[in-house]
Amino acid sequence: MASGMLLAAEEVFAESGLAKAHVEDIARRAGVSVGTLYNYYKDRDGLLAAVVSERIGELIQELDAAVARTLSAPIRSAMLELGRAYLRFVIQRRTFMRILVEGELLQLKESYPTSAALKEQCWKGLIDLFGEVMGRGVANGELPGATAEVDVWLFLGLLRGIIMRDLRGDTRCQESDAERAVKVFFDGALA
């Protein structure tokens, strides 16, 4: 039952926006009463935080698995695998990415303090995870002259551009878009 409520909440928050999403709509979509929602979650922030926490857990699990698969691979291959894993998650969890990537949550952080903090933790986790892999490339000379602290932001910016293009309705992202991001990043980093 809880997973159905979280899925309904994710959909309503993404479709209506955080400011306009109503608990009544979430309950109706989940097929439960408003009281049932409040038995599980303290308030709208608690409900959104549960969605954010669950989905972030899924994303980190996917990325950790990608890192584990590429520990001995060249950095370019490792970054490609990470990029593919990230975009695969975006494709599977498009509604969640709309909540995570668009800026409404930060604008409403007083209304959603727990959820906003989780979003910030997620971005920090992504930066740390991608930065760790890039740090290997800097340390072993595969990214000469690069600095993992700056380059991780550049690479994630490329992926974010692909994601935003998708969320804005221009073109759905594909897992293979990671290949272009890696090519642009590495060709530029090695120039």
Protein backbone atom coordinates (compact mmCIF):
# COMPACT_ATOMS: atom_id res chain seq x y z
CA MET A 1 0.00 0.00 0.00
CA ALA A 2 2.80 2.43 0.89
CA SER A 3 4.48 1.95 -2.49
CA GLY A 4 1.19 2.78 -4.24
CA MET A 5 0.88 5.95 -2.20
CA LEU A 6 4.44 6.95 -3.04
CA LEU A 7 3.91 6.36 -6.74
CA ALA A 8 0.69 8.38 -6.67
CA ALA A 9 2.44 11.17 -4.76
CA GLU A 10 5.33 11.19 -7.22
CA GLU A 11 2.94 11.49 -10.16
CA VAL A 12 0.77 14.22 -8.61
CA PHE A 13 3.75 16.27 -7.39
CA ALA A 14 5.35 16.06 -10.85
CA GLU A 15 2.15 16.82 -12.78
CA SER A 16 0.69 19.56 -10.57
CA GLY A 17 3.88 21.04 -9.19
CA LEU A 18 4.79 21.06 -5.52
CA ALA A 19 2.86 24.23 -4.66
CA LYS A 20 -0.36 23.06 -6.32
CA ALA A 21 -0.33 19.35 -5.45
CA HIS A 22 -3.17 18.42 -3.12
CA VAL A 23 -3.14 15.54 -0.67
CA GLU A 24 -6.71 14.78 -1.73
CA ASP A 25 -5.54 14.20 -5.32
CA ILE A 26 -2.72 11.96 -4.13
CA ALA A 27 -5.09 9.92 -1.95
CA ARG A 28 -7.63 9.59 -4.78
CA ARG A 29 -4.95 8.42 -7.22
CA ALA A 30 -3.59 5.94 -4.66
CA GLY A 31 -7.10 4.66 -3.92
CA VAL A 32 -6.92 5.49 -0.21
CA SER A 33 -8.45 8.06 2.10
CA VAL A 34 -6.63 11.23 3.11
CA GLY A 35 -6.61 9.89 6.67
CA THR A 36 -4.75 6.79 5.50
CA LEU A 37 -2.08 8.97 3.91
CA TYR A 38 -1.67 10.87 7.16
CA ASN A 39 -1.39 7.58 9.07
CA TYR A 40 1.75 6.87 7.05
CA TYR A 41 3.14 10.38 6.54
CA LYS A 42 3.10 13.34 8.93
CA ASP A 43 2.45 15.95 6.25
CA ARG A 44 3.07 16.79 2.57
CA ASP A 45 6.77 17.26 3.26
CA GLY A 46 6.91 13.83 4.89
CA LEU A 47 5.17 12.30 1.89
CA LEU A 48 7.43 14.03 -0.62
CA ALA A 49 10.49 13.19 1.49
CA ALA A 50 9.51 9.51 1.39
CA VAL A 51 9.30 9.68 -2.43
CA VAL A 52 12.62 11.53 -2.72
CA SER A 53 14.36 9.21 -0.27
CA GLU A 54 13.17 6.04 -2.00
CA ARG A 55 14.06 7.22 -5.49
CA ILE A 56 17.45 8.60 -4.44
CA GLY A 57 18.18 5.23 -2.87
CA GLU A 58 17.38 3.54 -6.19
CA LEU A 59 19.59 5.98 -8.10
CA ILE A 60 22.57 5.60 -5.77
CA GLN A 61 22.21 1.81 -5.87
CA GLU A 62 22.31 1.90 -9.69
CA LEU A 63 25.34 4.20 -9.74
CA ASP A 64 27.19 2.22 -7.06
CA ALA A 65 26.68 -0.91 -9.17
CA ALA A 66 28.06 0.93 -12.22
CA VAL A 67 31.12 2.02 -10.23
CA ALA A 68 31.67 -1.55 -9.00
CA ARG A 69 31.48 -2.89 -12.57
CA THR A 70 34.15 -0.43 -13.75
CA LEU A 71 36.72 -0.35 -10.96
CA SER A 72 39.49 -1.60 -13.24
CA ALA A 73 38.21 -0.04 -16.47
CA PRO A 74 39.73 3.01 -18.12
CA ILE A 75 38.15 6.24 -16.84
CA ARG A 76 36.45 7.02 -20.12
CA SER A 77 34.70 3.63 -19.99
CA ALA A 78 33.83 4.10 -16.34
CA MET A 79 32.32 7.54 -17.00
CA LEU A 80 30.35 6.14 -19.92
CA GLU A 81 28.95 3.38 -17.73
CA LEU A 82 28.04 5.90 -15.01
CA GLY A 83 26.43 8.20 -17.56
CA ARG A 84 24.42 5.34 -19.03
CA ALA A 85 23.28 4.22 -15.58
CA TYR A 86 22.22 7.76 -14.71
CA LEU A 87 20.30 8.26 -17.96
CA ARG A 88 18.73 4.80 -17.65
CA PHE A 89 17.40 5.87 -14.25
CA VAL A 90 16.10 9.14 -15.76
CA ILE A 91 14.26 7.19 -18.46
CA GLN A 92 12.70 4.85 -15.88
CA ARG A 93 11.89 7.57 -13.33
CA ARG A 94 11.07 10.55 -15.52
CA THR A 95 8.31 11.84 -13.23
CA PHE A 96 10.67 11.80 -10.26
CA MET A 97 13.39 13.60 -12.21
CA ARG A 98 10.94 16.39 -12.93
CA ILE A 99 10.67 16.91 -9.15
CA LEU A 100 14.39 16.53 -8.53
CA VAL A 101 15.82 18.61 -11.38
CA GLU A 102 13.41 21.49 -11.67
CA GLY A 103 13.93 24.32 -9.21
CA GLU A 104 10.55 24.38 -7.48
CA LEU A 105 11.69 22.34 -4.50
CA LEU A 106 14.40 24.83 -3.61
CA GLN A 107 11.97 27.73 -4.03
CA LEU A 108 9.61 26.02 -1.59
CA LYS A 109 12.19 24.76 0.88
CA GLU A 110 10.35 26.42 3.76
CA SER A 111 7.28 24.30 2.93
CA TYR A 112 9.34 21.18 2.19
CA PRO A 113 12.43 21.43 4.41
CA THR A 114 13.07 17.70 4.71
CA SER A 115 12.59 17.08 1.00
CA ALA A 116 14.79 20.03 0.02
CA ALA A 117 17.56 18.76 2.30
CA LEU A 118 17.30 15.30 0.71
CA LYS A 119 17.59 16.84 -2.75
CA GLU A 120 20.77 18.64 -1.70
CA GLN A 121 22.15 15.40 -0.23
CA CYS A 122 21.40 13.66 -3.53
CA TRP A 123 23.36 16.22 -5.56
CA LYS A 124 26.23 16.01 -3.10
CA GLY A 125 26.16 12.24 -3.43
CA LEU A 126 26.25 12.47 -7.23
CA ILE A 127 29.15 14.91 -7.12
CA ASP A 128 31.04 12.70 -4.69
CA LEU A 129 30.41 9.52 -6.67
CA PHE A 130 31.25 10.94 -10.11
CA GLY A 131 34.13 12.91 -8.55
CA GLU A 132 35.61 9.78 -7.03
CA VAL A 133 35.74 8.11 -10.44
CA MET A 134 37.18 11.25 -12.07
CA GLY A 135 39.71 11.50 -9.28
CA ARG A 136 41.00 8.07 -10.33
CA GLY A 137 41.44 9.42 -13.85
CA VAL A 138 43.32 12.49 -12.63
CA ALA A 139 45.52 10.39 -10.32
CA ASN A 140 46.47 7.84 -12.97
CA GLY A 141 47.02 10.41 -15.74
CA GLU A 142 44.02 9.54 -17.91
CA LEU A 143 42.76 13.11 -17.35
CA PRO A 144 45.99 15.10 -17.51
CA GLY A 145 45.70 18.68 -16.35
CA ALA A 146 42.17 18.09 -15.09
CA THR A 147 40.86 18.64 -11.60
CA ALA A 148 38.15 16.30 -10.41
CA GLU A 149 36.47 19.07 -8.38
CA VAL A 150 35.78 21.19 -11.47
CA ASP A 151 35.44 18.47 -14.05
CA VAL A 152 32.74 16.59 -12.16
CA TRP A 153 30.55 19.70 -12.37
CA LEU A 154 31.27 20.01 -16.08
CA PHE A 155 30.38 16.38 -16.79
CA LEU A 156 27.23 16.45 -14.66
CA GLY A 157 26.29 19.67 -16.45
CA LEU A 158 26.42 17.85 -19.77
CA LEU A 159 24.15 15.10 -18.42
CA ARG A 160 21.82 17.67 -16.86
CA GLY A 161 21.51 19.37 -20.26
CA ILE A 162 20.39 16.08 -21.79
CA ILE A 163 17.91 15.57 -18.95
CA MET A 164 16.51 19.11 -19.21
CA ARG A 165 16.06 18.74 -22.97
CA ASP A 166 13.95 15.66 -22.19
CA LEU A 167 11.92 17.22 -19.38
CA ARG A 168 11.20 20.33 -21.41
CA GLY A 169 9.63 18.08 -24.03
CA ASP A 170 12.08 18.59 -26.85
CA THR A 171 13.56 15.11 -27.21
CA ARG A 172 13.37 12.10 -24.93
CA CYS A 173 16.79 11.14 -23.65
CA GLN A 174 18.27 7.80 -24.53
CA GLU A 175 20.85 5.77 -22.69
CA SER A 176 23.10 6.23 -25.73
CA ASP A 177 23.13 10.03 -25.13
CA ALA A 178 25.76 9.27 -22.50
CA GLU A 179 28.16 8.45 -25.35
CA ARG A 180 27.89 12.01 -26.69
CA ALA A 181 28.36 13.53 -23.24
CA VAL A 182 31.48 11.41 -22.68
CA LYS A 183 32.86 12.29 -26.12
CA VAL A 184 32.29 16.03 -25.62
CA PHE A 185 33.76 15.91 -22.11
CA PHE A 186 36.83 13.83 -22.90
CA ASP A 187 37.61 15.53 -26.20
CA GLY A 188 37.42 18.88 -24.41
CA ALA A 189 39.26 17.74 -21.28
CA LEU A 190 42.14 16.37 -23.30
CA ALA A 191 42.40 19.37 -25.62
